[in-house]
Amino acid sequence: MSRWDEPDRFDDEEESRLLKKFYNYVEIEKKETERRKFLEVSDKKRPCIWGNRFVLSAIIQGSIITGLTVALILIQAIFADVSLIQFLSLSLDGSAKWFFFGYFMYITLVVAIAITAIFYNHLETNLNRQVRGNKKYLAWVQFIGMNVGGAATTILMMLAGLAGTGFVDFAIGNETVSSEIMDVAELPITGFALVFAAGIIAGGIAYIGTYMQGPKSSKLSFAGDSRKYDRL
């Protein structure tokens, strides 16, 4: 007979108080476990390899577009007698539209890379699915396509737009130079755009394929759960 079965050891009031304390302890333990899972402070979490790579690349790409913006501001400050925005807006029907399109597409690219990092973080950390096998190479194609193909495409658009408008030599309306520059830049822009598109397609295949596969079993997680129930 256990000590809990001994008669007259606890009266009803004392037993009720002890049970209440026990349930309070269980509730506190449950809330603490949920809080740790929410904050993801457990050292048993699988590291997010591809999520970290895309986060780092998003930071680098964000630094590049920030540097380009600062460079434009410095150009405006140095050449105070020429308004860059007004200069570009005067030739908006020509090559200047490529500059604005490339600039805003670069900002969109940085956001897209950051969102991709969130997707991979959910895939690898929350769903416990690893990008492995041939899908790993497809993920590399996406990484290179977005960071090299996408960035090169938008930068070439901006450079071609600035040069095509005649801002470099402060000449407005030089249609011959504009046409020649755009003809030269058209081929590399198209090539890098195709690399970017191939990266997006390859990344989509890798992500969907990894998402559809089952999670890899983790003996460490099972052992940790067993020890938790042993304490209770």
C-alpha atoms as a PDB file:
ATOM      1  CA  MET A   1       0.000   0.000   0.000  1.00  0.00           C
ATOM      2  CA  SER A   2       1.351   3.394  -0.956  1.00  0.00           C
ATOM      3  CA  ARG A   3       1.451   6.307   1.382  1.00  0.00           C
ATOM      4  CA  TRP A   4      -1.403   7.936  -0.536  1.00  0.00           C
ATOM      5  CA  ASP A   5      -3.669   5.007   0.333  1.00  0.00           C
ATOM      6  CA  GLU A   6      -3.070   5.169   4.061  1.00  0.00           C
ATOM      7  CA  PRO A   7      -6.287   6.041   5.877  1.00  0.00           C
ATOM      8  CA  ASP A   8      -6.698   9.350   7.676  1.00  0.00           C
ATOM      9  CA  ARG A   9      -3.345  10.667   6.477  1.00  0.00           C
ATOM     10  CA  PHE A  10      -4.956  13.755   4.874  1.00  0.00           C
ATOM     11  CA  ASP A  11      -8.381  15.178   5.413  1.00  0.00           C
ATOM     12  CA  ASP A  12     -10.509  16.305   2.479  1.00  0.00           C
ATOM     13  CA  GLU A  13      -9.470  19.953   2.744  1.00  0.00           C
ATOM     14  CA  GLU A  14      -5.767  19.165   2.737  1.00  0.00           C
ATOM     15  CA  GLU A  15      -6.151  16.744  -0.126  1.00  0.00           C
ATOM     16  CA  SER A  16      -8.054  19.342  -2.127  1.00  0.00           C
ATOM     17  CA  ARG A  17      -5.331  21.914  -1.485  1.00  0.00           C
ATOM     18  CA  LEU A  18      -2.576  19.543  -2.608  1.00  0.00           C
ATOM     19  CA  LEU A  19      -4.459  18.585  -5.761  1.00  0.00           C
ATOM     20  CA  LYS A  20      -4.981  22.255  -6.566  1.00  0.00           C
ATOM     21  CA  LYS A  21      -1.266  22.934  -6.189  1.00  0.00           C
ATOM     22  CA  PHE A  22      -0.490  19.957  -8.395  1.00  0.00           C
ATOM     23  CA  TYR A  23      -2.811  21.147 -11.171  1.00  0.00           C
ATOM     24  CA  ASN A  24      -1.377  24.655 -10.897  1.00  0.00           C
ATOM     25  CA  TYR A  25       2.092  23.229 -11.329  1.00  0.00           C
ATOM     26  CA  VAL A  26       0.994  21.248 -14.389  1.00  0.00           C
ATOM     27  CA  GLU A  27      -0.579  24.390 -15.895  1.00  0.00           C
ATOM     28  CA  ILE A  28       2.567  26.424 -15.285  1.00  0.00           C
ATOM     29  CA  GLU A  29       4.690  23.692 -16.855  1.00  0.00           C
ATOM     30  CA  LYS A  30       2.410  23.609 -19.883  1.00  0.00           C
ATOM     31  CA  LYS A  31       2.574  27.379 -20.391  1.00  0.00           C
ATOM     32  CA  GLU A  32       6.360  27.355 -20.038  1.00  0.00           C
ATOM     33  CA  THR A  33       6.665  24.615 -22.643  1.00  0.00           C
ATOM     34  CA  GLU A  34       4.436  26.512 -25.065  1.00  0.00           C
ATOM     35  CA  ARG A  35       6.432  29.701 -24.503  1.00  0.00           C
ATOM     36  CA  ARG A  36       9.695  27.939 -25.280  1.00  0.00           C
ATOM     37  CA  LYS A  37       8.280  26.432 -28.429  1.00  0.00           C
ATOM     38  CA  PHE A  38       6.962  29.825 -29.539  1.00  0.00           C
ATOM     39  CA  LEU A  39      10.285  31.566 -28.978  1.00  0.00           C
ATOM     40  CA  GLU A  40      12.181  28.589 -30.431  1.00  0.00           C
ATOM     41  CA  VAL A  41      14.843  28.661 -27.738  1.00  0.00           C
ATOM     42  CA  SER A  42      15.312  24.911 -27.682  1.00  0.00           C
ATOM     43  CA  ASP A  43      18.781  23.724 -28.704  1.00  0.00           C
ATOM     44  CA  LYS A  44      17.170  20.666 -30.307  1.00  0.00           C
ATOM     45  CA  LYS A  45      15.848  22.764 -33.208  1.00  0.00           C
ATOM     46  CA  ARG A  46      17.410  21.854 -36.530  1.00  0.00           C
ATOM     47  CA  PRO A  47      19.440  24.789 -37.924  1.00  0.00           C
ATOM     48  CA  CYS A  48      17.853  26.471 -40.939  1.00  0.00           C
ATOM     49  CA  ILE A  49      20.646  26.211 -43.514  1.00  0.00           C
ATOM     50  CA  TRP A  50      18.923  27.610 -46.593  1.00  0.00           C
ATOM     51  CA  GLY A  51      16.929  30.129 -44.609  1.00  0.00           C
ATOM     52  CA  ASN A  52      20.153  31.549 -43.175  1.00  0.00           C
ATOM     53  CA  ARG A  53      21.731  31.703 -46.630  1.00  0.00           C
ATOM     54  CA  PHE A  54      18.842  33.675 -48.078  1.00  0.00           C
ATOM     55  CA  VAL A  55      18.730  35.972 -45.044  1.00  0.00           C
ATOM     56  CA  LEU A  56      22.424  36.769 -45.470  1.00  0.00           C
ATOM     57  CA  SER A  57      21.996  37.369 -49.197  1.00  0.00           C
ATOM     58  CA  ALA A  58      18.991  39.631 -48.541  1.00  0.00           C
ATOM     59  CA  ILE A  59      21.145  41.708 -46.181  1.00  0.00           C
ATOM     60  CA  ILE A  60      23.893  41.961 -48.811  1.00  0.00           C
ATOM     61  CA  GLN A  61      21.464  42.904 -51.591  1.00  0.00           C
ATOM     62  CA  GLY A  62      19.815  45.453 -49.318  1.00  0.00           C
ATOM     63  CA  SER A  63      23.224  46.978 -48.647  1.00  0.00           C
ATOM     64  CA  ILE A  64      23.890  47.220 -52.392  1.00  0.00           C
ATOM     65  CA  ILE A  65      20.638  49.034 -53.191  1.00  0.00           C
ATOM     66  CA  THR A  66      21.238  51.306 -50.213  1.00  0.00           C
ATOM     67  CA  GLY A  67      24.719  52.093 -51.556  1.00  0.00           C
ATOM     68  CA  LEU A  68      23.259  52.879 -54.987  1.00  0.00           C
ATOM     69  CA  THR A  69      20.714  55.207 -53.406  1.00  0.00           C
ATOM     70  CA  VAL A  70      23.420  57.001 -51.421  1.00  0.00           C
ATOM     71  CA  ALA A  71      25.502  57.317 -54.618  1.00  0.00           C
ATOM     72  CA  LEU A  72      22.587  58.977 -56.417  1.00  0.00           C
ATOM     73  CA  ILE A  73      22.153  61.396 -53.531  1.00  0.00           C
ATOM     74  CA  LEU A  74      25.868  62.245 -53.635  1.00  0.00           C
ATOM     75  CA  ILE A  75      25.688  62.818 -57.396  1.00  0.00           C
ATOM     76  CA  GLN A  76      22.792  65.180 -56.833  1.00  0.00           C
ATOM     77  CA  ALA A  77      24.740  67.000 -54.110  1.00  0.00           C
ATOM     78  CA  ILE A  78      27.909  67.314 -56.225  1.00  0.00           C
ATOM     79  CA  PHE A  79      26.124  68.473 -59.361  1.00  0.00           C
ATOM     80  CA  ALA A  80      23.759  70.857 -57.634  1.00  0.00           C
ATOM     81  CA  ASP A  81      22.959  72.690 -60.878  1.00  0.00           C
ATOM     82  CA  VAL A  82      21.377  69.548 -62.347  1.00  0.00           C
ATOM     83  CA  SER A  83      18.355  67.832 -60.786  1.00  0.00           C
ATOM     84  CA  LEU A  84      18.727  64.102 -61.388  1.00  0.00           C
ATOM     85  CA  ILE A  85      15.042  63.266 -60.924  1.00  0.00           C
ATOM     86  CA  GLN A  86      13.963  66.180 -63.111  1.00  0.00           C
ATOM     87  CA  PHE A  87      16.549  65.221 -65.700  1.00  0.00           C
ATOM     88  CA  LEU A  88      15.298  61.649 -65.841  1.00  0.00           C
ATOM     89  CA  SER A  89      11.648  62.692 -65.885  1.00  0.00           C
ATOM     90  CA  LEU A  90      12.260  64.838 -68.972  1.00  0.00           C
ATOM     91  CA  SER A  91      13.259  61.728 -70.905  1.00  0.00           C
ATOM     92  CA  LEU A  92      10.832  59.312 -69.240  1.00  0.00           C
ATOM     93  CA  ASP A  93       9.515  58.198 -72.595  1.00  0.00           C
ATOM     94  CA  GLY A  94      13.001  57.033 -73.584  1.00  0.00           C
ATOM     95  CA  SER A  95      15.697  55.143 -71.723  1.00  0.00           C
ATOM     96  CA  ALA A  96      14.928  56.697 -68.328  1.00  0.00           C
ATOM     97  CA  LYS A  97      12.053  54.287 -67.803  1.00  0.00           C
ATOM     98  CA  TRP A  98      14.610  51.468 -67.670  1.00  0.00           C
ATOM     99  CA  PHE A  99      16.355  53.200 -64.772  1.00  0.00           C
ATOM    100  CA  PHE A 100      13.176  53.570 -62.714  1.00  0.00           C
ATOM    101  CA  PHE A 101      12.016  50.069 -63.587  1.00  0.00           C
ATOM    102  CA  GLY A 102      15.379  48.560 -62.632  1.00  0.00           C
ATOM    103  CA  TYR A 103      15.550  50.548 -59.383  1.00  0.00           C
ATOM    104  CA  PHE A 104      12.136  49.496 -58.115  1.00  0.00           C
ATOM    105  CA  MET A 105      12.656  45.931 -59.315  1.00  0.00           C
ATOM    106  CA  TYR A 106      15.860  45.774 -57.252  1.00  0.00           C
ATOM    107  CA  ILE A 107      13.921  46.792 -54.134  1.00  0.00           C
ATOM    108  CA  THR A 108      11.323  44.128 -54.967  1.00  0.00           C
ATOM    109  CA  LEU A 109      14.126  41.588 -55.410  1.00  0.00           C
ATOM    110  CA  VAL A 110      15.465  42.272 -51.894  1.00  0.00           C
ATOM    111  CA  VAL A 111      11.994  41.735 -50.441  1.00  0.00           C
ATOM    112  CA  ALA A 112      11.537  38.546 -52.479  1.00  0.00           C
ATOM    113  CA  ILE A 113      14.829  37.095 -51.190  1.00  0.00           C
ATOM    114  CA  ALA A 114      13.854  37.892 -47.592  1.00  0.00           C
ATOM    115  CA  ILE A 115      10.445  36.233 -48.052  1.00  0.00           C
ATOM    116  CA  THR A 116      12.155  33.188 -49.575  1.00  0.00           C
ATOM    117  CA  ALA A 117      14.276  32.960 -46.416  1.00  0.00           C
ATOM    118  CA  ILE A 118      11.080  32.862 -44.336  1.00  0.00           C
ATOM    119  CA  PHE A 119       9.697  30.063 -46.498  1.00  0.00           C
ATOM    120  CA  TYR A 120      12.831  27.963 -46.097  1.00  0.00           C
ATOM    121  CA  ASN A 121      12.901  28.653 -42.369  1.00  0.00           C
ATOM    122  CA  HIS A 122       9.364  27.295 -42.077  1.00  0.00           C
ATOM    123  CA  LEU A 123      10.277  24.287 -44.211  1.00  0.00           C
ATOM    124  CA  GLU A 124      13.482  23.326 -42.391  1.00  0.00           C
ATOM    125  CA  THR A 125      12.772  24.397 -38.816  1.00  0.00           C
ATOM    126  CA  ASN A 126       9.024  24.132 -38.266  1.00  0.00           C
ATOM    127  CA  LEU A 127       8.248  21.233 -40.612  1.00  0.00           C
ATOM    128  CA  ASN A 128      11.622  19.505 -40.017  1.00  0.00           C
ATOM    129  CA  ARG A 129      12.151  18.802 -43.718  1.00  0.00           C
ATOM    130  CA  GLN A 130      15.659  18.875 -45.170  1.00  0.00           C
ATOM    131  CA  VAL A 131      16.514  19.996 -48.688  1.00  0.00           C
ATOM    132  CA  ARG A 132      18.586  17.050 -49.869  1.00  0.00           C
ATOM    133  CA  GLY A 133      19.416  15.037 -52.961  1.00  0.00           C
ATOM    134  CA  ASN A 134      18.778  16.627 -56.340  1.00  0.00           C
ATOM    135  CA  LYS A 135      16.578  19.249 -54.689  1.00  0.00           C
ATOM    136  CA  LYS A 136      19.675  20.685 -53.036  1.00  0.00           C
ATOM    137  CA  TYR A 137      21.141  21.500 -56.455  1.00  0.00           C
ATOM    138  CA  LEU A 138      17.858  23.079 -57.518  1.00  0.00           C
ATOM    139  CA  ALA A 139      17.978  25.248 -54.395  1.00  0.00           C
ATOM    140  CA  TRP A 140      21.500  26.354 -55.375  1.00  0.00           C
ATOM    141  CA  VAL A 141      20.171  27.273 -58.820  1.00  0.00           C
ATOM    142  CA  GLN A 142      17.513  29.410 -57.145  1.00  0.00           C
ATOM    143  CA  PHE A 143      20.077  31.031 -54.857  1.00  0.00           C
ATOM    144  CA  ILE A 144      22.394  31.917 -57.739  1.00  0.00           C
ATOM    145  CA  GLY A 145      19.528  32.878 -60.025  1.00  0.00           C
ATOM    146  CA  MET A 146      18.035  35.360 -57.569  1.00  0.00           C
ATOM    147  CA  ASN A 147      21.280  36.843 -56.260  1.00  0.00           C
ATOM    148  CA  VAL A 148      23.262  36.915 -59.503  1.00  0.00           C
ATOM    149  CA  GLY A 149      20.691  36.868 -62.293  1.00  0.00           C
ATOM    150  CA  GLY A 150      18.167  39.122 -60.575  1.00  0.00           C
ATOM    151  CA  ALA A 151      20.692  41.625 -59.253  1.00  0.00           C
ATOM    152  CA  ALA A 152      22.626  41.825 -62.541  1.00  0.00           C
ATOM    153  CA  THR A 153      19.412  42.336 -64.519  1.00  0.00           C
ATOM    154  CA  THR A 154      18.212  45.265 -62.417  1.00  0.00           C
ATOM    155  CA  ILE A 155      21.653  46.910 -62.182  1.00  0.00           C
ATOM    156  CA  LEU A 156      22.147  46.712 -65.940  1.00  0.00           C
ATOM    157  CA  MET A 157      18.711  48.274 -66.415  1.00  0.00           C
ATOM    158  CA  MET A 158      19.652  51.192 -64.180  1.00  0.00           C
ATOM    159  CA  LEU A 159      23.042  51.714 -65.827  1.00  0.00           C
ATOM    160  CA  ALA A 160      21.556  51.522 -69.307  1.00  0.00           C
ATOM    161  CA  GLY A 161      18.825  53.955 -68.307  1.00  0.00           C
ATOM    162  CA  LEU A 162      21.311  56.496 -66.940  1.00  0.00           C
ATOM    163  CA  ALA A 163      23.644  56.213 -69.896  1.00  0.00           C
ATOM    164  CA  GLY A 164      20.838  56.162 -72.423  1.00  0.00           C
ATOM    165  CA  THR A 165      19.361  59.441 -71.227  1.00  0.00           C
ATOM    166  CA  GLY A 166      22.698  61.199 -71.661  1.00  0.00           C
ATOM    167  CA  PHE A 167      23.100  61.982 -67.977  1.00  0.00           C
ATOM    168  CA  VAL A 168      26.717  60.870 -68.038  1.00  0.00           C
ATOM    169  CA  ASP A 169      27.762  63.614 -70.436  1.00  0.00           C
ATOM    170  CA  PHE A 170      24.868  65.956 -69.477  1.00  0.00           C
ATOM    171  CA  ALA A 171      23.411  65.863 -72.981  1.00  0.00           C
ATOM    172  CA  ILE A 172      19.602  65.675 -73.303  1.00  0.00           C
ATOM    173  CA  GLY A 173      17.823  64.138 -76.282  1.00  0.00           C
ATOM    174  CA  ASN A 174      20.724  62.254 -77.876  1.00  0.00           C
ATOM    175  CA  GLU A 175      18.543  59.551 -79.422  1.00  0.00           C
ATOM    176  CA  THR A 176      21.375  57.919 -81.353  1.00  0.00           C
ATOM    177  CA  VAL A 177      23.437  57.235 -78.242  1.00  0.00           C
ATOM    178  CA  SER A 178      20.317  56.064 -76.398  1.00  0.00           C
ATOM    179  CA  SER A 179      19.431  53.605 -79.122  1.00  0.00           C
ATOM    180  CA  GLU A 180      22.969  52.253 -79.339  1.00  0.00           C
ATOM    181  CA  ILE A 181      23.278  51.753 -75.583  1.00  0.00           C
ATOM    182  CA  MET A 182      19.963  49.953 -75.311  1.00  0.00           C
ATOM    183  CA  ASP A 183      20.859  47.705 -78.251  1.00  0.00           C
ATOM    184  CA  VAL A 184      24.122  46.748 -76.551  1.00  0.00           C
ATOM    185  CA  ALA A 185      22.530  46.214 -73.109  1.00  0.00           C
ATOM    186  CA  GLU A 186      19.531  44.276 -74.393  1.00  0.00           C
ATOM    187  CA  LEU A 187      21.374  40.971 -74.842  1.00  0.00           C
ATOM    188  CA  PRO A 188      23.039  40.752 -71.364  1.00  0.00           C
ATOM    189  CA  ILE A 189      19.853  41.973 -69.671  1.00  0.00           C
ATOM    190  CA  THR A 190      17.883  39.220 -71.407  1.00  0.00           C
ATOM    191  CA  GLY A 191      20.507  36.620 -70.496  1.00  0.00           C
ATOM    192  CA  PHE A 192      20.560  37.508 -66.796  1.00  0.00           C
ATOM    193  CA  ALA A 193      16.750  37.692 -66.767  1.00  0.00           C
ATOM    194  CA  LEU A 194      16.635  34.116 -68.065  1.00  0.00           C
ATOM    195  CA  VAL A 195      19.036  33.049 -65.298  1.00  0.00           C
ATOM    196  CA  PHE A 196      16.733  34.717 -62.767  1.00  0.00           C
ATOM    197  CA  ALA A 197      13.644  33.000 -64.229  1.00  0.00           C
ATOM    198  CA  ALA A 198      15.401  29.619 -64.211  1.00  0.00           C
ATOM    199  CA  GLY A 199      16.311  30.139 -60.546  1.00  0.00           C
ATOM    200  CA  ILE A 200      12.712  30.891 -59.598  1.00  0.00           C
ATOM    201  CA  ILE A 201      11.435  27.787 -61.408  1.00  0.00           C
ATOM    202  CA  ALA A 202      14.138  25.552 -59.925  1.00  0.00           C
ATOM    203  CA  GLY A 203      13.499  26.909 -56.436  1.00  0.00           C
ATOM    204  CA  GLY A 204       9.787  26.282 -56.754  1.00  0.00           C
ATOM    205  CA  ILE A 205      10.405  22.670 -57.756  1.00  0.00           C
ATOM    206  CA  ALA A 206      12.879  22.164 -54.888  1.00  0.00           C
ATOM    207  CA  TYR A 207      10.550  23.720 -52.317  1.00  0.00           C
ATOM    208  CA  ILE A 208       7.434  21.822 -53.381  1.00  0.00           C
ATOM    209  CA  GLY A 209       9.364  18.550 -53.618  1.00  0.00           C
ATOM    210  CA  THR A 210      10.822  19.002 -50.139  1.00  0.00           C
ATOM    211  CA  TYR A 211       7.451  20.058 -48.740  1.00  0.00           C
ATOM    212  CA  MET A 212       5.754  16.930 -50.074  1.00  0.00           C
ATOM    213  CA  GLN A 213       8.314  14.566 -48.566  1.00  0.00           C
ATOM    214  CA  GLY A 214       7.868  13.319 -45.013  1.00  0.00           C
ATOM    215  CA  PRO A 215       9.794  14.819 -42.094  1.00  0.00           C
ATOM    216  CA  LYS A 216      13.010  13.116 -41.083  1.00  0.00           C
ATOM    217  CA  SER A 217      12.675  11.287 -37.782  1.00  0.00           C
ATOM    218  CA  SER A 218      14.640  12.711 -34.882  1.00  0.00           C
ATOM    219  CA  LYS A 219      15.740  10.313 -32.138  1.00  0.00           C
ATOM    220  CA  LEU A 220      16.963  13.213 -30.052  1.00  0.00           C
ATOM    221  CA  SER A 221      13.535  14.804 -30.011  1.00  0.00           C
ATOM    222  CA  PHE A 222      11.891  11.504 -29.044  1.00  0.00           C
ATOM    223  CA  ALA A 223      14.344  10.950 -26.204  1.00  0.00           C
ATOM    224  CA  GLY A 224      13.735  14.470 -24.937  1.00  0.00           C
ATOM    225  CA  ASP A 225       9.979  13.937 -24.954  1.00  0.00           C
ATOM    226  CA  SER A 226      10.400  10.628 -23.074  1.00  0.00           C
ATOM    227  CA  ARG A 227      12.447  12.275 -20.337  1.00  0.00           C
ATOM    228  CA  LYS A 228       9.793  14.969 -19.984  1.00  0.00           C
ATOM    229  CA  TYR A 229       7.042  12.397 -19.428  1.00  0.00           C
ATOM    230  CA  ASP A 230       9.264  10.463 -17.022  1.00  0.00           C
ATOM    231  CA  ARG A 231       9.441  13.542 -14.799  1.00  0.00           C
ATOM    232  CA  LEU A 232       5.668  13.740 -14.692  1.00  0.00           C
END
